[in-house]
Amino acid sequence: MKNIINLLDKLGSSAELQQLDIATLAKISNPLDLDEQVQKAILNHDNKALEMLLNVRNKVVCAICPAEEEPSDTPQKDDDDQDDAEKAIACNG
């Protein structure tokens, strides 16, 4: 599996390797002792077959985190301060 991942990494990171014809690509992948079906899927750029053969899924996940609010210079009233003021009014009133 590590050989397959390394090969795919090299193929994906080099523009020159992405443009290779099937015969040259086969010469590169043959010494790696890859399964014939895996090699065929790589040569044919068949991502679905490769996913099934390797028992992996090609998932892309996007997550968006909300930005944190910047603290303001003006002090804000806390709910506790308001509750205390209401209690004071009730006791004095």
PDB file of N, CA and C in Angstrom:
ATOM      1  N   MET A   1       0.839  -1.192   0.000  1.00  0.00           N
ATOM      2  CA  MET A   1       0.000   0.000   0.000  1.00  0.00           C
ATOM      3  C   MET A   1       0.881   1.252   0.000  1.00  0.00           C
ATOM      4  N   LYS A   2       1.987   1.205   0.747  1.00  0.00           N
ATOM      5  CA  LYS A   2       2.866   2.361   0.821  1.00  0.00           C
ATOM      6  C   LYS A   2       3.456   2.673  -0.554  1.00  0.00           C
ATOM      7  N   ASN A   3       3.795   1.622  -1.324  1.00  0.00           N
ATOM      8  CA  ASN A   3       4.325   1.826  -2.674  1.00  0.00           C
ATOM      9  C   ASN A   3       3.309   2.520  -3.565  1.00  0.00           C
ATOM     10  N   ILE A   4       2.061   2.125  -3.434  1.00  0.00           N
ATOM     11  CA  ILE A   4       0.997   2.710  -4.256  1.00  0.00           C
ATOM     12  C   ILE A   4       0.818   4.182  -3.910  1.00  0.00           C
ATOM     13  N   ILE A   5       0.802   4.485  -2.627  1.00  0.00           N
ATOM     14  CA  ILE A   5       0.621   5.868  -2.193  1.00  0.00           C
ATOM     15  C   ILE A   5       1.792   6.728  -2.646  1.00  0.00           C
ATOM     16  N   ASN A   6       3.008   6.201  -2.509  1.00  0.00           N
ATOM     17  CA  ASN A   6       4.182   6.956  -2.954  1.00  0.00           C
ATOM     18  C   ASN A   6       4.138   7.205  -4.460  1.00  0.00           C
ATOM     19  N   LEU A   7       3.743   6.181  -5.227  1.00  0.00           N
ATOM     20  CA  LEU A   7       3.642   6.348  -6.677  1.00  0.00           C
ATOM     21  C   LEU A   7       2.601   7.403  -7.032  1.00  0.00           C
ATOM     22  N   LEU A   8       1.428   7.323  -6.417  1.00  0.00           N
ATOM     23  CA  LEU A   8       0.369   8.295  -6.697  1.00  0.00           C
ATOM     24  C   LEU A   8       0.796   9.706  -6.293  1.00  0.00           C
ATOM     25  N   ASP A   9       1.529   9.808  -5.192  1.00  0.00           N
ATOM     26  CA  ASP A   9       2.028  11.102  -4.739  1.00  0.00           C
ATOM     27  C   ASP A   9       2.995  11.691  -5.766  1.00  0.00           C
ATOM     28  N   LYS A  10       3.913  10.869  -6.259  1.00  0.00           N
ATOM     29  CA  LYS A  10       4.875  11.344  -7.263  1.00  0.00           C
ATOM     30  C   LYS A  10       4.184  11.712  -8.566  1.00  0.00           C
ATOM     31  N   LEU A  11       3.219  10.903  -8.979  1.00  0.00           N
ATOM     32  CA  LEU A  11       2.491  11.195 -10.213  1.00  0.00           C
ATOM     33  C   LEU A  11       1.694  12.490 -10.089  1.00  0.00           C
ATOM     34  N   GLY A  12       1.100  12.698  -8.939  1.00  0.00           N
ATOM     35  CA  GLY A  12       0.275  13.883  -8.739  1.00  0.00           C
ATOM     36  C   GLY A  12       1.063  15.156  -8.536  1.00  0.00           C
ATOM     37  N   SER A  13       2.283  15.046  -8.035  1.00  0.00           N
ATOM     38  CA  SER A  13       3.055  16.244  -7.722  1.00  0.00           C
ATOM     39  C   SER A  13       3.918  16.724  -8.884  1.00  0.00           C
ATOM     40  N   SER A  14       4.046  15.934  -9.940  1.00  0.00           N
ATOM     41  CA  SER A  14       4.901  16.317 -11.053  1.00  0.00           C
ATOM     42  C   SER A  14       4.072  16.456 -12.332  1.00  0.00           C
ATOM     43  N   ALA A  15       4.122  17.627 -12.918  1.00  0.00           N
ATOM     44  CA  ALA A  15       3.394  17.860 -14.164  1.00  0.00           C
ATOM     45  C   ALA A  15       3.948  16.997 -15.291  1.00  0.00           C
ATOM     46  N   GLU A  16       5.248  16.764 -15.280  1.00  0.00           N
ATOM     47  CA  GLU A  16       5.871  15.936 -16.321  1.00  0.00           C
ATOM     48  C   GLU A  16       5.373  14.497 -16.237  1.00  0.00           C
ATOM     49  N   LEU A  17       5.268  13.972 -15.025  1.00  0.00           N
ATOM     50  CA  LEU A  17       4.822  12.586 -14.864  1.00  0.00           C
ATOM     51  C   LEU A  17       3.350  12.422 -15.212  1.00  0.00           C
ATOM     52  N   GLN A  18       2.566  13.461 -15.021  1.00  0.00           N
ATOM     53  CA  GLN A  18       1.141  13.389 -15.348  1.00  0.00           C
ATOM     54  C   GLN A  18       0.916  13.270 -16.847  1.00  0.00           C
ATOM     55  N   GLN A  19       1.879  13.720 -17.630  1.00  0.00           N
ATOM     56  CA  GLN A  19       1.735  13.714 -19.087  1.00  0.00           C
ATOM     57  C   GLN A  19       2.328  12.465 -19.745  1.00  0.00           C
ATOM     58  N   LEU A  20       2.824  11.515 -18.957  1.00  0.00           N
ATOM     59  CA  LEU A  20       3.451  10.317 -19.520  1.00  0.00           C
ATOM     60  C   LEU A  20       2.433   9.440 -20.236  1.00  0.00           C
ATOM     61  N   ASP A  21       2.903   8.777 -21.289  1.00  0.00           N
ATOM     62  CA  ASP A  21       2.030   7.835 -21.977  1.00  0.00           C
ATOM     63  C   ASP A  21       1.956   6.544 -21.155  1.00  0.00           C
ATOM     64  N   ILE A  22       1.024   5.684 -21.512  1.00  0.00           N
ATOM     65  CA  ILE A  22       0.759   4.473 -20.728  1.00  0.00           C
ATOM     66  C   ILE A  22       1.968   3.548 -20.673  1.00  0.00           C
ATOM     67  N   ALA A  23       2.701   3.422 -21.785  1.00  0.00           N
ATOM     68  CA  ALA A  23       3.858   2.523 -21.822  1.00  0.00           C
ATOM     69  C   ALA A  23       4.949   2.978 -20.852  1.00  0.00           C
ATOM     70  N   THR A  24       5.231   4.267 -20.827  1.00  0.00           N
ATOM     71  CA  THR A  24       6.254   4.795 -19.917  1.00  0.00           C
ATOM     72  C   THR A  24       5.790   4.686 -18.473  1.00  0.00           C
ATOM     73  N   LEU A  25       4.545   4.968 -18.247  1.00  0.00           N
ATOM     74  CA  LEU A  25       3.992   4.856 -16.900  1.00  0.00           C
ATOM     75  C   LEU A  25       4.045   3.410 -16.414  1.00  0.00           C
ATOM     76  N   ALA A  26       3.815   2.470 -17.311  1.00  0.00           N
ATOM     77  CA  ALA A  26       3.894   1.049 -16.961  1.00  0.00           C
ATOM     78  C   ALA A  26       5.315   0.678 -16.563  1.00  0.00           C
ATOM     79  N   LYS A  27       6.319   1.238 -17.247  1.00  0.00           N
ATOM     80  CA  LYS A  27       7.719   0.966 -16.903  1.00  0.00           C
ATOM     81  C   LYS A  27       8.054   1.473 -15.505  1.00  0.00           C
ATOM     82  N   ILE A  28       7.456   2.585 -15.143  1.00  0.00           N
ATOM     83  CA  ILE A  28       7.695   3.154 -13.811  1.00  0.00           C
ATOM     84  C   ILE A  28       7.043   2.296 -12.733  1.00  0.00           C
ATOM     85  N   SER A  29       5.839   1.836 -12.981  1.00  0.00           N
ATOM     86  CA  SER A  29       5.095   1.117 -11.947  1.00  0.00           C
ATOM     87  C   SER A  29       5.430  -0.378 -11.880  1.00  0.00           C
ATOM     88  N   ASN A  30       5.985  -0.975 -12.917  1.00  0.00           N
ATOM     89  CA  ASN A  30       6.305  -2.410 -12.913  1.00  0.00           C
ATOM     90  C   ASN A  30       7.276  -2.824 -11.808  1.00  0.00           C
ATOM     91  N   PRO A  31       8.363  -2.107 -11.577  1.00  0.00           N
ATOM     92  CA  PRO A  31       9.305  -2.550 -10.535  1.00  0.00           C
ATOM     93  C   PRO A  31       8.737  -2.508  -9.114  1.00  0.00           C
ATOM     94  N   LEU A  32       7.591  -1.904  -8.937  1.00  0.00           N
ATOM     95  CA  LEU A  32       7.022  -1.769  -7.591  1.00  0.00           C
ATOM     96  C   LEU A  32       6.249  -3.002  -7.152  1.00  0.00           C
ATOM     97  N   ASP A  33       6.163  -4.012  -7.990  1.00  0.00           N
ATOM     98  CA  ASP A  33       5.417  -5.242  -7.688  1.00  0.00           C
ATOM     99  C   ASP A  33       3.975  -4.955  -7.289  1.00  0.00           C
ATOM    100  N   LEU A  34       3.321  -4.117  -8.047  1.00  0.00           N
ATOM    101  CA  LEU A  34       1.924  -3.795  -7.772  1.00  0.00           C
ATOM    102  C   LEU A  34       1.028  -4.891  -8.317  1.00  0.00           C
ATOM    103  N   ASP A  35      -0.115  -5.053  -7.688  1.00  0.00           N
ATOM    104  CA  ASP A  35      -1.132  -5.962  -8.194  1.00  0.00           C
ATOM    105  C   ASP A  35      -1.496  -5.513  -9.605  1.00  0.00           C
ATOM    106  N   GLU A  36      -1.717  -6.487 -10.482  1.00  0.00           N
ATOM    107  CA  GLU A  36      -1.997  -6.176 -11.888  1.00  0.00           C
ATOM    108  C   GLU A  36      -3.229  -5.292 -12.045  1.00  0.00           C
ATOM    109  N   GLN A  37      -4.279  -5.557 -11.264  1.00  0.00           N
ATOM    110  CA  GLN A  37      -5.506  -4.753 -11.361  1.00  0.00           C
ATOM    111  C   GLN A  37      -5.269  -3.328 -10.864  1.00  0.00           C
ATOM    112  N   VAL A  38      -4.478  -3.192  -9.802  1.00  0.00           N
ATOM    113  CA  VAL A  38      -4.161  -1.858  -9.277  1.00  0.00           C
ATOM    114  C   VAL A  38      -3.352  -1.091 -10.313  1.00  0.00           C
ATOM    115  N   GLN A  39      -2.382  -1.759 -10.903  1.00  0.00           N
ATOM    116  CA  GLN A  39      -1.556  -1.125 -11.914  1.00  0.00           C
ATOM    117  C   GLN A  39      -2.400  -0.688 -13.118  1.00  0.00           C
ATOM    118  N   LYS A  40      -3.326  -1.533 -13.525  1.00  0.00           N
ATOM    119  CA  LYS A  40      -4.194  -1.211 -14.660  1.00  0.00           C
ATOM    120  C   LYS A  40      -5.076  -0.003 -14.329  1.00  0.00           C
ATOM    121  N   ALA A  41      -5.586   0.054 -13.104  1.00  0.00           N
ATOM    122  CA  ALA A  41      -6.424   1.189 -12.695  1.00  0.00           C
ATOM    123  C   ALA A  41      -5.622   2.488 -12.703  1.00  0.00           C
ATOM    124  N   ILE A  42      -4.370   2.418 -12.253  1.00  0.00           N
ATOM    125  CA  ILE A  42      -3.515   3.608 -12.253  1.00  0.00           C
ATOM    126  C   ILE A  42      -3.215   4.039 -13.690  1.00  0.00           C
ATOM    127  N   LEU A  43      -2.878   3.076 -14.540  1.00  0.00           N
ATOM    128  CA  LEU A  43      -2.539   3.390 -15.935  1.00  0.00           C
ATOM    129  C   LEU A  43      -3.718   3.998 -16.680  1.00  0.00           C
ATOM    130  N   ASN A  44      -4.925   3.541 -16.366  1.00  0.00           N
ATOM    131  CA  ASN A  44      -6.126   4.037 -17.043  1.00  0.00           C
ATOM    132  C   ASN A  44      -6.756   5.238 -16.350  1.00  0.00           C
ATOM    133  N   HIS A  45      -6.118   5.710 -15.277  1.00  0.00           N
ATOM    134  CA  HIS A  45      -6.635   6.845 -14.502  1.00  0.00           C
ATOM    135  C   HIS A  45      -8.056   6.559 -14.024  1.00  0.00           C
ATOM    136  N   ASP A  46      -8.297   5.326 -13.628  1.00  0.00           N
ATOM    137  CA  ASP A  46      -9.621   4.889 -13.173  1.00  0.00           C
ATOM    138  C   ASP A  46      -9.686   5.006 -11.644  1.00  0.00           C
ATOM    139  N   ASN A  47     -10.092   6.168 -11.185  1.00  0.00           N
ATOM    140  CA  ASN A  47     -10.113   6.430  -9.743  1.00  0.00           C
ATOM    141  C   ASN A  47     -11.093   5.539  -8.989  1.00  0.00           C
ATOM    142  N   LYS A  48     -12.259   5.310  -9.563  1.00  0.00           N
ATOM    143  CA  LYS A  48     -13.269   4.486  -8.877  1.00  0.00           C
ATOM    144  C   LYS A  48     -12.776   3.055  -8.696  1.00  0.00           C
ATOM    145  N   ALA A  49     -12.165   2.487  -9.735  1.00  0.00           N
ATOM    146  CA  ALA A  49     -11.640   1.124  -9.624  1.00  0.00           C
ATOM    147  C   ALA A  49     -10.514   1.073  -8.600  1.00  0.00           C
ATOM    148  N   LEU A  50      -9.674   2.079  -8.586  1.00  0.00           N
ATOM    149  CA  LEU A  50      -8.564   2.124  -7.631  1.00  0.00           C
ATOM    150  C   LEU A  50      -9.089   2.235  -6.201  1.00  0.00           C
ATOM    151  N   GLU A  51     -10.113   3.042  -5.988  1.00  0.00           N
ATOM    152  CA  GLU A  51     -10.726   3.157  -4.668  1.00  0.00           C
ATOM    153  C   GLU A  51     -11.271   1.812  -4.206  1.00  0.00           C
ATOM    154  N   MET A  52     -11.938   1.106  -5.105  1.00  0.00           N
ATOM    155  CA  MET A  52     -12.518  -0.192  -4.743  1.00  0.00           C
ATOM    156  C   MET A  52     -11.422  -1.224  -4.463  1.00  0.00           C
ATOM    157  N   LEU A  53     -10.368  -1.238  -5.281  1.00  0.00           N
ATOM    158  CA  LEU A  53      -9.284  -2.210  -5.096  1.00  0.00           C
ATOM    159  C   LEU A  53      -8.522  -1.975  -3.795  1.00  0.00           C
ATOM    160  N   LEU A  54      -8.335  -0.718  -3.444  1.00  0.00           N
ATOM    161  CA  LEU A  54      -7.595  -0.380  -2.224  1.00  0.00           C
ATOM    162  C   LEU A  54      -8.493  -0.280  -0.999  1.00  0.00           C
ATOM    163  N   ASN A  55      -9.797  -0.379  -1.224  1.00  0.00           N
ATOM    164  CA  ASN A  55     -10.781  -0.275  -0.153  1.00  0.00           C
ATOM    165  C   ASN A  55     -10.657   1.054   0.603  1.00  0.00           C
ATOM    166  N   VAL A  56     -10.611   2.120  -0.187  1.00  0.00           N
ATOM    167  CA  VAL A  56     -10.537   3.474   0.369  1.00  0.00           C
ATOM    168  C   VAL A  56     -11.593   4.328  -0.310  1.00  0.00           C
ATOM    169  N   ARG A  57     -11.853   5.475   0.255  1.00  0.00           N
ATOM    170  CA  ARG A  57     -12.792   6.417  -0.339  1.00  0.00           C
ATOM    171  C   ARG A  57     -12.098   7.747  -0.510  1.00  0.00           C
ATOM    172  N   ASN A  58     -12.431   8.400  -1.577  1.00  0.00           N
ATOM    173  CA  ASN A  58     -11.881   9.713  -1.860  1.00  0.00           C
ATOM    174  C   ASN A  58     -12.873  10.742  -1.350  1.00  0.00           C
ATOM    175  N   LYS A  59     -12.673  11.187  -0.121  1.00  0.00           N
ATOM    176  CA  LYS A  59     -13.594  12.146   0.484  1.00  0.00           C
ATOM    177  C   LYS A  59     -12.907  13.499   0.637  1.00  0.00           C
ATOM    178  N   VAL A  60     -13.660  14.514   0.356  1.00  0.00           N
ATOM    179  CA  VAL A  60     -13.208  15.866   0.602  1.00  0.00           C
ATOM    180  C   VAL A  60     -14.216  16.483   1.558  1.00  0.00           C
ATOM    181  N   VAL A  61     -13.730  16.980   2.674  1.00  0.00           N
ATOM    182  CA  VAL A  61     -14.605  17.552   3.688  1.00  0.00           C
ATOM    183  C   VAL A  61     -14.240  19.020   3.861  1.00  0.00           C
ATOM    184  N   CYS A  62     -15.248  19.843   3.890  1.00  0.00           N
ATOM    185  CA  CYS A  62     -15.035  21.272   4.094  1.00  0.00           C
ATOM    186  C   CYS A  62     -15.731  21.674   5.391  1.00  0.00           C
ATOM    187  N   ALA A  63     -15.001  22.358   6.254  1.00  0.00           N
ATOM    188  CA  ALA A  63     -15.578  22.836   7.506  1.00  0.00           C
ATOM    189  C   ALA A  63     -15.321  24.334   7.612  1.00  0.00           C
ATOM    190  N   ILE A  64     -16.308  25.050   8.081  1.00  0.00           N
ATOM    191  CA  ILE A  64     -16.180  26.490   8.254  1.00  0.00           C
ATOM    192  C   ILE A  64     -16.391  26.804   9.728  1.00  0.00           C
ATOM    193  N   CYS A  65     -15.422  27.454  10.312  1.00  0.00           N
ATOM    194  CA  CYS A  65     -15.521  27.851  11.715  1.00  0.00           C
ATOM    195  C   CYS A  65     -15.836  29.343  11.776  1.00  0.00           C
ATOM    196  N   PRO A  66     -16.793  29.717  12.597  1.00  0.00           N
ATOM    197  CA  PRO A  66     -17.120  31.148  12.685  1.00  0.00           C
ATOM    198  C   PRO A  66     -15.964  31.921  13.315  1.00  0.00           C
ATOM    199  N   ALA A  67     -15.801  33.139  12.868  1.00  0.00           N
ATOM    200  CA  ALA A  67     -14.747  33.987  13.413  1.00  0.00           C
ATOM    201  C   ALA A  67     -15.107  34.389  14.836  1.00  0.00           C
ATOM    202  N   GLU A  68     -14.085  34.580  15.638  1.00  0.00           N
ATOM    203  CA  GLU A  68     -14.325  35.021  17.008  1.00  0.00           C
ATOM    204  C   GLU A  68     -14.599  36.514  17.000  1.00  0.00           C
ATOM    205  N   GLU A  69     -15.511  36.929  17.874  1.00  0.00           N
ATOM    206  CA  GLU A  69     -15.828  38.339  17.957  1.00  0.00           C
ATOM    207  C   GLU A  69     -14.689  39.078  18.643  1.00  0.00           C
ATOM    208  N   GLU A  70     -14.378  40.261  18.111  1.00  0.00           N
ATOM    209  CA  GLU A  70     -13.335  41.063  18.726  1.00  0.00           C
ATOM    210  C   GLU A  70     -13.911  41.763  19.950  1.00  0.00           C
ATOM    211  N   PRO A  71     -13.139  41.838  21.010  1.00  0.00           N
ATOM    212  CA  PRO A  71     -13.651  42.514  22.213  1.00  0.00           C
ATOM    213  C   PRO A  71     -13.835  44.012  21.934  1.00  0.00           C
ATOM    214  N   SER A  72     -14.936  44.561  22.439  1.00  0.00           N
ATOM    215  CA  SER A  72     -15.198  45.988  22.227  1.00  0.00           C
ATOM    216  C   SER A  72     -14.632  46.782  23.399  1.00  0.00           C
ATOM    217  N   ASP A  73     -14.433  48.078  23.160  1.00  0.00           N
ATOM    218  CA  ASP A  73     -13.870  48.948  24.196  1.00  0.00           C
ATOM    219  C   ASP A  73     -14.903  49.337  25.240  1.00  0.00           C
ATOM    220  N   THR A  74     -16.178  49.303  24.896  1.00  0.00           N
ATOM    221  CA  THR A  74     -17.217  49.699  25.831  1.00  0.00           C
ATOM    222  C   THR A  74     -17.612  48.503  26.693  1.00  0.00           C
ATOM    223  N   PRO A  75     -17.743  48.742  27.976  1.00  0.00           N
ATOM    224  CA  PRO A  75     -18.136  47.623  28.860  1.00  0.00           C
ATOM    225  C   PRO A  75     -19.590  47.245  28.617  1.00  0.00           C
ATOM    226  N   GLN A  76     -19.854  45.964  28.686  1.00  0.00           N
ATOM    227  CA  GLN A  76     -21.207  45.473  28.483  1.00  0.00           C
ATOM    228  C   GLN A  76     -21.797  45.082  29.833  1.00  0.00           C
ATOM    229  N   LYS A  77     -23.110  45.285  29.963  1.00  0.00           N
ATOM    230  CA  LYS A  77     -23.782  44.889  31.193  1.00  0.00           C
ATOM    231  C   LYS A  77     -23.939  43.381  31.211  1.00  0.00           C
ATOM    232  N   ASP A  78     -23.619  42.816  32.343  1.00  0.00           N
ATOM    233  CA  ASP A  78     -23.831  41.384  32.512  1.00  0.00           C
ATOM    234  C   ASP A  78     -25.254  41.158  32.992  1.00  0.00           C
ATOM    235  N   ASP A  79     -25.774  40.004  32.730  1.00  0.00           N
ATOM    236  CA  ASP A  79     -27.100  39.646  33.213  1.00  0.00           C
ATOM    237  C   ASP A  79     -27.127  39.623  34.735  1.00  0.00           C
ATOM    238  N   ASP A  80     -26.004  39.263  35.358  1.00  0.00           N
ATOM    239  CA  ASP A  80     -25.936  39.220  36.818  1.00  0.00           C
ATOM    240  C   ASP A  80     -26.108  40.612  37.416  1.00  0.00           C
ATOM    241  N   ASP A  81     -25.523  41.640  36.775  1.00  0.00           N
ATOM    242  CA  ASP A  81     -25.658  43.004  37.265  1.00  0.00           C
ATOM    243  C   ASP A  81     -27.116  43.444  37.205  1.00  0.00           C
ATOM    244  N   GLN A  82     -27.801  43.074  36.133  1.00  0.00           N
ATOM    245  CA  GLN A  82     -29.207  43.443  35.986  1.00  0.00           C
ATOM    246  C   GLN A  82     -30.054  42.732  37.029  1.00  0.00           C
ATOM    247  N   ASP A  83     -29.774  41.451  37.283  1.00  0.00           N
ATOM    248  CA  ASP A  83     -30.517  40.709  38.292  1.00  0.00           C
ATOM    249  C   ASP A  83     -30.306  41.318  39.679  1.00  0.00           C
ATOM    250  N   ASP A  84     -29.076  41.732  39.982  1.00  0.00           N
ATOM    251  CA  ASP A  84     -28.780  42.354  41.277  1.00  0.00           C
ATOM    252  C   ASP A  84     -29.543  43.667  41.433  1.00  0.00           C
ATOM    253  N   ALA A  85     -29.615  44.447  40.351  1.00  0.00           N
ATOM    254  CA  ALA A  85     -30.324  45.730  40.416  1.00  0.00           C
ATOM    255  C   ALA A  85     -31.810  45.500  40.627  1.00  0.00           C
ATOM    256  N   GLU A  86     -32.380  44.487  39.984  1.00  0.00           N
ATOM    257  CA  GLU A  86     -33.790  44.184  40.142  1.00  0.00           C
ATOM    258  C   GLU A  86     -34.079  43.726  41.563  1.00  0.00           C
ATOM    259  N   LYS A  87     -33.185  42.947  42.150  1.00  0.00           N
ATOM    260  CA  LYS A  87     -33.357  42.479  43.524  1.00  0.00           C
ATOM    261  C   LYS A  87     -33.290  43.654  44.503  1.00  0.00           C
ATOM    262  N   ALA A  88     -32.383  44.591  44.229  1.00  0.00           N
ATOM    263  CA  ALA A  88     -32.253  45.746  45.116  1.00  0.00           C
ATOM    264  C   ALA A  88     -33.524  46.597  45.082  1.00  0.00           C
ATOM    265  N   ILE A  89     -34.077  46.764  43.897  1.00  0.00           N
ATOM    266  CA  ILE A  89     -35.314  47.538  43.757  1.00  0.00           C
ATOM    267  C   ILE A  89     -36.465  46.826  44.485  1.00  0.00           C
ATOM    268  N   ALA A  90     -36.540  45.531  44.360  1.00  0.00           N
ATOM    269  CA  ALA A  90     -37.617  44.757  44.975  1.00  0.00           C
ATOM    270  C   ALA A  90     -37.507  44.838  46.497  1.00  0.00           C
ATOM    271  N   CYS A  91     -36.312  44.824  47.031  1.00  0.00           N
ATOM    272  CA  CYS A  91     -36.121  44.864  48.491  1.00  0.00           C
ATOM    273  C   CYS A  91     -36.406  46.275  49.031  1.00  0.00           C
ATOM    274  N   ASN A  92     -36.050  47.284  48.267  1.00  0.00           N
ATOM    275  CA  ASN A  92     -36.218  48.649  48.717  1.00  0.00           C
ATOM    276  C   ASN A  92     -37.636  49.166  48.438  1.00  0.00           C
ATOM    277  N   GLY A  93     -38.298  48.551  47.527  1.00  0.00           N
ATOM    278  CA  GLY A  93     -39.554  49.077  47.065  1.00  0.00           C
ATOM    279  C   GLY A  93     -40.678  48.638  47.843  1.00  0.00           C
TER     280      GLY A  93
END
